[in-house]
Amino acid sequence: MSEEKELARKLKALAHPLRLTIVALLAKEEKEMYLNEIANSLAINRALAKIHLKKLENGNIVKSRVVLV
């Protein structure tokens, strides 16, 4: 993928205030966080957090993994 396309994909992923807030939260915490922790920290529901995290993941901004507990 060209550098321009990769940059466009990242900018598109960051093009929402809530997604920027999620990235800022993750940077501030400097640790892995569960979906529930992110949602609770931002006072949003898990479904909304998941939608925005998926867009950030598609833009190669964050990585996710499934943890079975």
C-alpha atoms as a PDB file:
ATOM      1  CA  MET A   1       0.000   0.000   0.000  1.00  0.00           C
ATOM      2  CA  SER A   2       1.345   3.437  -0.865  1.00  0.00           C
ATOM      3  CA  GLU A   3       2.304   5.854   1.879  1.00  0.00           C
ATOM      4  CA  GLU A   4      -0.441   8.250   0.801  1.00  0.00           C
ATOM      5  CA  LYS A   5      -3.134   5.586   1.027  1.00  0.00           C
ATOM      6  CA  GLU A   6      -1.886   4.440   4.428  1.00  0.00           C
ATOM      7  CA  LEU A   7      -1.892   8.026   5.702  1.00  0.00           C
ATOM      8  CA  ALA A   8      -5.401   8.569   4.325  1.00  0.00           C
ATOM      9  CA  ARG A   9      -6.596   5.421   6.100  1.00  0.00           C
ATOM     10  CA  LYS A  10      -5.112   6.576   9.410  1.00  0.00           C
ATOM     11  CA  LEU A  11      -6.589  10.058   9.078  1.00  0.00           C
ATOM     12  CA  LYS A  12      -9.996   8.596   8.248  1.00  0.00           C
ATOM     13  CA  ALA A  13      -9.784   6.413  11.359  1.00  0.00           C
ATOM     14  CA  LEU A  14      -9.022   9.477  13.497  1.00  0.00           C
ATOM     15  CA  ALA A  15     -11.727  11.652  11.921  1.00  0.00           C
ATOM     16  CA  HIS A  16     -14.140  11.492  14.858  1.00  0.00           C
ATOM     17  CA  PRO A  17     -13.813  13.242  18.230  1.00  0.00           C
ATOM     18  CA  LEU A  18     -14.654  10.095  20.193  1.00  0.00           C
ATOM     19  CA  ARG A  19     -11.976   8.090  18.398  1.00  0.00           C
ATOM     20  CA  LEU A  20      -9.434  10.799  19.206  1.00  0.00           C
ATOM     21  CA  THR A  21     -10.571  10.613  22.835  1.00  0.00           C
ATOM     22  CA  ILE A  22     -10.099   6.839  22.847  1.00  0.00           C
ATOM     23  CA  VAL A  23      -6.576   7.172  21.444  1.00  0.00           C
ATOM     24  CA  ALA A  24      -5.770   9.853  24.042  1.00  0.00           C
ATOM     25  CA  LEU A  25      -7.088   7.605  26.822  1.00  0.00           C
ATOM     26  CA  LEU A  26      -4.986   4.663  25.664  1.00  0.00           C
ATOM     27  CA  ALA A  27      -1.910   6.865  25.381  1.00  0.00           C
ATOM     28  CA  LYS A  28      -2.488   8.299  28.850  1.00  0.00           C
ATOM     29  CA  GLU A  29      -3.016   4.906  30.484  1.00  0.00           C
ATOM     30  CA  GLU A  30       0.003   3.378  28.706  1.00  0.00           C
ATOM     31  CA  LYS A  31      -1.401  -0.122  29.135  1.00  0.00           C
ATOM     32  CA  GLU A  32      -3.742  -2.567  27.499  1.00  0.00           C
ATOM     33  CA  MET A  33      -7.366  -1.933  28.383  1.00  0.00           C
ATOM     34  CA  TYR A  34     -10.467  -4.072  28.174  1.00  0.00           C
ATOM     35  CA  LEU A  35     -13.374  -2.836  26.099  1.00  0.00           C
ATOM     36  CA  ASN A  36     -15.400  -2.426  29.277  1.00  0.00           C
ATOM     37  CA  GLU A  37     -12.685  -0.271  30.877  1.00  0.00           C
ATOM     38  CA  ILE A  38     -12.602   2.050  27.877  1.00  0.00           C
ATOM     39  CA  ALA A  39     -16.389   2.347  27.781  1.00  0.00           C
ATOM     40  CA  ASN A  40     -16.624   3.031  31.516  1.00  0.00           C
ATOM     41  CA  SER A  41     -13.804   5.582  31.438  1.00  0.00           C
ATOM     42  CA  LEU A  42     -15.545   7.528  28.676  1.00  0.00           C
ATOM     43  CA  ALA A  43     -19.102   7.046  29.992  1.00  0.00           C
ATOM     44  CA  ILE A  44     -20.271   5.383  26.769  1.00  0.00           C
ATOM     45  CA  ASN A  45     -21.809   1.987  26.147  1.00  0.00           C
ATOM     46  CA  ARG A  46     -19.696  -0.975  25.083  1.00  0.00           C
ATOM     47  CA  ALA A  47     -21.341  -1.226  21.663  1.00  0.00           C
ATOM     48  CA  LEU A  48     -20.357   2.332  20.765  1.00  0.00           C
ATOM     49  CA  ALA A  49     -16.827   1.814  22.076  1.00  0.00           C
ATOM     50  CA  LYS A  50     -16.519  -1.378  20.034  1.00  0.00           C
ATOM     51  CA  ILE A  51     -17.647   0.357  16.824  1.00  0.00           C
ATOM     52  CA  HIS A  52     -15.061   3.096  17.233  1.00  0.00           C
ATOM     53  CA  LEU A  53     -12.296   0.699  18.278  1.00  0.00           C
ATOM     54  CA  LYS A  54     -12.969  -1.377  15.164  1.00  0.00           C
ATOM     55  CA  LYS A  55     -12.524   1.725  12.986  1.00  0.00           C
ATOM     56  CA  LEU A  56      -9.272   2.525  14.792  1.00  0.00           C
ATOM     57  CA  GLU A  57      -8.140  -1.052  14.268  1.00  0.00           C
ATOM     58  CA  ASN A  58      -8.987  -0.877  10.549  1.00  0.00           C
ATOM     59  CA  GLY A  59      -6.828   2.252  10.354  1.00  0.00           C
ATOM     60  CA  ASN A  60      -3.911   0.447  12.032  1.00  0.00           C
ATOM     61  CA  ILE A  61      -4.068   2.835  14.986  1.00  0.00           C
ATOM     62  CA  VAL A  62      -4.781   0.192  17.660  1.00  0.00           C
ATOM     63  CA  LYS A  63      -4.615  -3.576  17.919  1.00  0.00           C
ATOM     64  CA  SER A  64      -7.096  -5.805  19.653  1.00  0.00           C
ATOM     65  CA  ARG A  65      -7.179  -9.360  20.852  1.00  0.00           C
ATOM     66  CA  VAL A  66      -9.732 -11.671  22.367  1.00  0.00           C
ATOM     67  CA  VAL A  67      -9.169 -12.679  25.975  1.00  0.00           C
ATOM     68  CA  LEU A  68     -11.246 -15.481  27.448  1.00  0.00           C
ATOM     69  CA  VAL A  69     -11.601 -15.253  31.197  1.00  0.00           C
END
